[in-house]
N, C-alpha and C. Protein backbone atom coordinates (compact mmCIF):
# COMPACT_ATOMS: atom_id res chain seq x y z
N MET A 1 123.28 142.64 -11.80
CA MET A 1 123.02 144.37 -11.37
C MET A 1 124.18 144.50 -10.54
N GLU A 2 125.23 145.17 -10.99
CA GLU A 2 126.08 145.21 -10.19
C GLU A 2 126.30 146.89 -10.18
N ALA A 3 126.22 147.75 -8.85
CA ALA A 3 125.98 149.10 -8.95
C ALA A 3 127.68 149.45 -8.05
N THR A 4 128.12 150.41 -8.93
CA THR A 4 129.27 150.98 -8.42
C THR A 4 129.04 151.67 -6.98
N LEU A 5 129.89 151.60 -6.46
CA LEU A 5 129.58 152.36 -4.97
C LEU A 5 130.45 153.50 -5.16
N LEU A 6 130.14 154.56 -4.75
CA LEU A 6 131.10 156.09 -4.76
C LEU A 6 131.27 156.35 -3.17
N THR A 7 132.45 156.95 -3.21
CA THR A 7 132.79 157.25 -1.72
C THR A 7 132.33 158.76 -1.71
N PRO A 8 132.11 159.26 -0.22
CA PRO A 8 131.63 160.81 -0.39
C PRO A 8 132.32 161.66 -1.01
N GLU A 9 133.90 161.43 -1.30
CA GLU A 9 134.71 162.55 -1.92
C GLU A 9 134.25 162.19 -3.44
N GLN A 10 134.11 161.22 -3.95
CA GLN A 10 133.41 160.95 -5.40
C GLN A 10 132.28 161.67 -5.48
N ALA A 11 131.50 161.61 -4.66
CA ALA A 11 129.95 162.05 -4.65
C ALA A 11 129.83 163.36 -4.81
N ALA A 12 130.73 164.33 -3.79
CA ALA A 12 131.10 165.35 -3.82
C ALA A 12 131.48 166.14 -5.14
N GLU A 13 132.38 165.18 -5.74
CA GLU A 13 132.97 165.79 -7.05
C GLU A 13 132.04 165.84 -8.07
N PHE A 14 131.10 164.58 -8.13
CA PHE A 14 130.23 164.46 -9.00
C PHE A 14 129.03 165.35 -9.00
N LEU A 15 128.98 166.07 -7.53
CA LEU A 15 127.87 167.06 -7.75
C LEU A 15 128.37 168.45 -7.22
N GLN A 16 129.68 168.52 -7.50
CA GLN A 16 130.39 169.83 -7.42
C GLN A 16 129.90 170.42 -6.37
N THR A 17 130.23 169.70 -5.16
CA THR A 17 130.21 170.16 -3.64
C THR A 17 131.33 169.85 -2.65
N THR A 18 130.83 169.93 -1.64
CA THR A 18 132.13 169.53 -0.60
C THR A 18 131.52 168.38 -0.26
N VAL A 19 132.79 167.87 0.67
CA VAL A 19 132.26 166.66 1.37
C VAL A 19 131.38 166.85 2.65
N LYS A 20 131.36 167.87 3.04
CA LYS A 20 130.77 168.16 4.35
C LYS A 20 129.18 168.58 3.59
N GLY A 21 129.12 169.19 2.66
CA GLY A 21 127.73 169.28 1.79
C GLY A 21 127.02 167.96 1.43
N VAL A 22 127.81 166.84 1.06
CA VAL A 22 126.95 165.56 0.86
C VAL A 22 126.78 164.81 2.20
N HIS A 23 127.44 165.32 3.23
CA HIS A 23 127.31 164.32 4.24
C HIS A 23 125.94 165.46 5.34
N ARG A 24 125.83 166.52 4.95
CA ARG A 24 124.68 167.29 5.55
C ARG A 24 123.47 166.97 4.63
N ALA A 25 123.72 166.59 3.65
CA ALA A 25 122.48 166.19 2.75
C ALA A 25 122.20 164.80 3.23
N CYS A 26 122.89 163.89 3.76
CA CYS A 26 122.66 162.54 4.08
C CYS A 26 121.94 162.72 5.45
N LYS A 27 122.39 163.45 6.37
CA LYS A 27 122.00 163.62 7.61
C LYS A 27 120.51 164.22 7.56
N GLN A 28 120.40 165.20 6.54
CA GLN A 28 118.97 165.93 6.62
C GLN A 28 117.99 165.08 5.63
N ARG A 29 118.51 163.65 5.33
CA ARG A 29 117.83 163.05 4.43
C ARG A 29 117.37 163.24 3.13
N ARG A 30 117.81 164.00 2.53
CA ARG A 30 117.92 164.32 1.30
C ARG A 30 118.35 163.60 0.10
N LEU A 31 119.49 163.21 0.61
CA LEU A 31 120.28 162.34 -0.13
C LEU A 31 120.39 160.85 0.22
N ALA A 32 120.25 159.89 -0.47
CA ALA A 32 120.10 158.30 -0.17
C ALA A 32 121.34 157.88 -0.10
N TYR A 33 121.75 157.09 0.88
CA TYR A 33 122.97 156.34 0.69
C TYR A 33 122.97 154.91 1.11
N VAL A 34 124.24 154.04 0.98
CA VAL A 34 124.14 152.86 1.33
C VAL A 34 125.08 152.96 2.56
N ALA A 35 124.77 152.30 3.78
CA ALA A 35 125.38 152.69 5.15
C ALA A 35 126.14 150.98 5.10
N ILE A 36 127.59 151.26 5.15
CA ILE A 36 128.45 150.00 5.01
C ILE A 36 128.60 149.57 6.18
N ASP A 37 128.73 150.45 7.55
CA ASP A 37 128.94 149.60 8.76
C ASP A 37 128.05 150.48 10.12
N GLY A 38 128.38 150.23 11.07
CA GLY A 38 127.58 151.21 11.97
C GLY A 38 128.51 152.33 12.59
N ARG A 39 129.42 152.21 12.00
CA ARG A 39 130.34 153.59 12.25
C ARG A 39 130.03 154.72 11.37
N GLY A 40 129.03 154.83 10.69
CA GLY A 40 128.52 155.72 9.93
C GLY A 40 129.40 156.01 8.26
N THR A 41 129.77 154.78 8.14
CA THR A 41 130.36 154.81 6.49
C THR A 41 129.41 154.81 5.53
N ARG A 42 129.24 155.77 4.50
CA ARG A 42 128.38 155.90 3.72
C ARG A 42 129.27 155.88 2.10
N ARG A 43 128.18 155.42 1.49
CA ARG A 43 128.70 154.95 0.12
C ARG A 43 127.43 155.10 -0.82
N PHE A 44 127.45 155.76 -2.18
CA PHE A 44 126.38 155.91 -3.08
C PHE A 44 126.55 155.64 -4.05
N THR A 45 125.20 155.47 -4.97
CA THR A 45 125.34 154.90 -6.20
C THR A 45 125.14 156.28 -7.16
N MET A 46 125.01 155.94 -8.51
CA MET A 46 124.93 157.10 -9.44
C MET A 46 123.40 157.31 -9.44
N GLU A 47 122.70 156.18 -9.18
CA GLU A 47 120.98 156.48 -9.13
C GLU A 47 120.66 157.26 -8.03
N HIS A 48 121.45 157.15 -6.45
CA HIS A 48 121.09 158.04 -5.55
C HIS A 48 121.52 159.51 -5.60
N LEU A 49 122.91 160.02 -6.72
CA LEU A 49 123.10 161.14 -6.92
C LEU A 49 121.97 161.46 -7.97
N GLU A 50 121.86 160.80 -9.01
CA GLU A 50 120.71 161.51 -9.85
C GLU A 50 119.75 162.02 -9.59
N ALA A 51 119.08 161.08 -8.49
CA ALA A 51 117.66 161.34 -7.51
C ALA A 51 117.77 162.39 -6.84
N PHE A 52 118.79 162.93 -5.93
CA PHE A 52 119.35 163.98 -5.55
C PHE A 52 118.98 165.27 -6.60
N ILE A 53 119.65 165.03 -7.56
CA ILE A 53 119.73 166.10 -8.60
C ILE A 53 118.37 166.57 -9.21
N ALA A 54 117.98 165.51 -9.35
CA ALA A 54 116.20 165.62 -9.64
C ALA A 54 115.52 166.33 -8.58
N ALA A 55 115.48 165.63 -7.23
CA ALA A 55 114.73 166.32 -6.45
C ALA A 55 114.94 167.74 -6.28
N GLN A 56 116.10 168.58 -6.41
CA GLN A 56 116.90 169.75 -5.98
C GLN A 56 116.51 170.62 -7.33
N THR A 57 116.21 170.18 -8.47
CA THR A 57 116.08 170.74 -9.51
C THR A 57 114.79 171.80 -9.18
N VAL A 58 114.93 173.19 -9.45
CA VAL A 58 113.96 174.39 -9.41
C VAL A 58 113.27 174.47 -10.71
N GLU A 59 112.33 173.91 -11.13
CA GLU A 59 111.78 174.60 -12.52
C GLU A 59 111.43 176.01 -12.51
N ALA A 60 111.71 176.61 -13.80
CA ALA A 60 111.41 177.95 -13.93
C ALA A 60 110.31 178.54 -14.34
N THR A 61 109.80 179.54 -13.74
CA THR A 61 108.42 180.03 -13.73
C THR A 61 108.47 181.27 -14.77
N ALA A 62 107.43 181.67 -15.08
CA ALA A 62 107.06 182.57 -16.20
C ALA A 62 107.60 183.92 -15.69
N MET A 63 108.35 184.84 -16.46
CA MET A 63 108.49 186.03 -16.02
C MET A 63 107.61 186.94 -15.55
N VAL A 64 107.69 187.82 -14.63
CA VAL A 64 106.58 188.71 -14.07
C VAL A 64 107.07 190.03 -14.71
N ASP A 65 106.09 190.76 -15.29
CA ASP A 65 106.63 192.17 -15.61
C ASP A 65 106.57 193.30 -14.76
N THR A 66 107.65 193.42 -14.16
CA THR A 66 107.61 194.49 -12.94
C THR A 66 107.05 195.87 -13.33
N LYS A 67 107.14 196.29 -14.62
CA LYS A 67 106.52 197.46 -14.82
C LYS A 67 105.16 197.48 -14.80
N ALA A 68 104.40 196.57 -15.12
CA ALA A 68 103.22 196.44 -15.28
C ALA A 68 102.60 196.22 -13.63
N SER A 69 103.35 195.86 -12.81
CA SER A 69 102.74 195.65 -11.48
C SER A 69 102.03 196.92 -10.94
N VAL A 70 101.20 196.70 -9.95
CA VAL A 70 100.61 197.93 -9.50
C VAL A 70 101.05 197.80 -8.17
N SER A 71 101.10 198.64 -7.41
CA SER A 71 101.79 199.22 -6.18
C SER A 71 100.63 199.37 -5.35
N VAL A 72 100.11 198.49 -4.28
CA VAL A 72 99.24 198.69 -3.17
C VAL A 72 99.66 199.47 -2.13
N SER A 73 98.93 200.34 -1.42
CA SER A 73 99.00 200.84 -0.49
C SER A 73 98.53 200.25 0.85
N SER A 74 98.58 200.36 1.88
CA SER A 74 97.78 199.67 3.10
C SER A 74 97.93 200.87 3.98
N GLN A 75 96.66 200.78 4.88
CA GLN A 75 96.42 201.74 5.91
C GLN A 75 97.26 201.23 7.16
N TRP A 76 97.40 202.04 8.05
CA TRP A 76 98.15 201.73 9.23
C TRP A 76 97.37 201.04 10.23
N LYS A 77 97.80 200.02 10.85
CA LYS A 77 97.68 198.89 11.02
C LYS A 77 96.85 199.15 12.36
N GLY A 78 96.96 199.88 13.02
CA GLY A 78 96.55 200.49 14.50
C GLY A 78 95.18 200.89 14.21
N GLY A 79 94.65 201.21 13.23
CA GLY A 79 93.51 201.75 12.91
C GLY A 79 93.22 202.90 14.00
N GLY A 80 92.13 203.80 13.50
CA GLY A 80 91.72 204.98 14.24
C GLY A 80 92.85 205.67 13.99
N LYS A 81 92.52 206.75 14.91
CA LYS A 81 93.55 208.31 14.75
C LYS A 81 94.70 208.06 15.41
N ARG A 82 95.85 208.45 14.94
CA ARG A 82 97.22 208.71 15.53
C ARG A 82 97.00 209.47 16.53
N THR A 83 97.87 209.72 17.74
CA THR A 83 97.70 210.67 18.73
C THR A 83 99.21 211.32 18.34
N LYS A 84 99.10 212.56 18.93
CA LYS A 84 100.29 213.39 19.00
C LYS A 84 101.49 212.73 19.72
N LYS A 85 101.17 211.93 20.47
CA LYS A 85 102.65 211.31 20.98
C LYS A 85 103.23 209.93 19.96
N SER A 86 102.50 209.64 18.95
CA SER A 86 102.84 208.77 17.89
C SER A 86 104.15 209.10 17.53
N SER A 87 104.44 210.28 17.14
CA SER A 87 105.61 210.54 16.54
C SER A 87 106.91 210.47 17.62
N GLY A 88 106.72 210.59 18.72
CA GLY A 88 107.76 210.51 19.80
C GLY A 88 108.53 211.42 19.78
N VAL A 89 108.00 212.77 19.55
CA VAL A 89 108.63 214.22 19.81
C VAL A 89 107.88 214.82 20.87
N LYS A 90 108.58 215.15 21.90
CA LYS A 90 107.89 216.19 23.24
C LYS A 90 108.17 217.61 22.91
N GLY A 91 107.51 218.47 23.40
CA GLY A 91 107.93 219.76 23.36
C GLY A 91 106.62 220.46 22.38
N LYS A 92 106.94 221.53 22.05
CA LYS A 92 106.26 222.75 21.44
C LYS A 92 107.15 223.26 20.66
N GLY A 93 106.51 223.90 19.38
CA GLY A 93 107.32 224.65 18.47
C GLY A 93 107.33 224.25 16.98
N PRO A 94 107.66 225.47 16.05
CA PRO A 94 107.68 224.74 14.98
C PRO A 94 108.17 223.59 14.43
N LEU A 95 109.54 223.55 14.85
CA LEU A 95 110.14 222.18 14.21
C LEU A 95 109.38 221.11 14.69
N THR A 96 109.11 221.11 16.26
CA THR A 96 108.45 219.74 16.59
C THR A 96 107.26 219.60 15.76
N GLU A 97 106.65 220.89 15.43
CA GLU A 97 105.05 220.50 14.71
C GLU A 97 105.20 219.89 13.48
N GLU A 98 106.68 220.40 12.66
CA GLU A 98 106.94 219.84 11.45
C GLU A 98 107.43 218.26 11.45
N ILE A 99 108.12 217.93 12.47
CA ILE A 99 108.40 216.85 12.87
C ILE A 99 107.08 215.65 12.73
N ARG A 100 106.29 216.53 13.45
CA ARG A 100 104.90 215.45 13.97
C ARG A 100 104.18 215.38 12.52
N SER A 101 104.21 216.36 11.77
CA SER A 101 103.35 216.29 10.53
C SER A 101 104.31 215.39 9.56
N LEU A 102 105.26 215.18 9.44
CA LEU A 102 106.22 214.16 8.73
C LEU A 102 105.90 213.02 9.28
N CYS A 103 105.70 212.81 10.45
CA CYS A 103 105.37 211.12 10.89
C CYS A 103 103.97 210.88 10.75
N ARG A 104 103.20 211.87 10.65
CA ARG A 104 101.76 211.31 10.29
C ARG A 104 101.65 210.91 9.00
N SER A 105 102.48 211.29 7.98
CA SER A 105 102.03 210.98 6.55
C SER A 105 102.80 209.89 6.05
């Protein structure tokens, strides 16, 4: 049983990513590797890369019909009545009252 060891550059080429991305996946423990020495030299087998691809594969889900979706409205989270100060507008007059009424709706 002889496994060919690949360099990070070769692994990145196989995964169609960057060397930095390969090292990041190793650091995050998402990509297995063979530690060659105590200086952080890494090598990869095809089994490591295939397992990584399998773990990263996202399965498709059923399509949702957005036209059939129902929109749901929620009540104001503060509960109770809003005060006139909730609009943030001070003063009196027709424009102020219009702004307040728009803020209430």
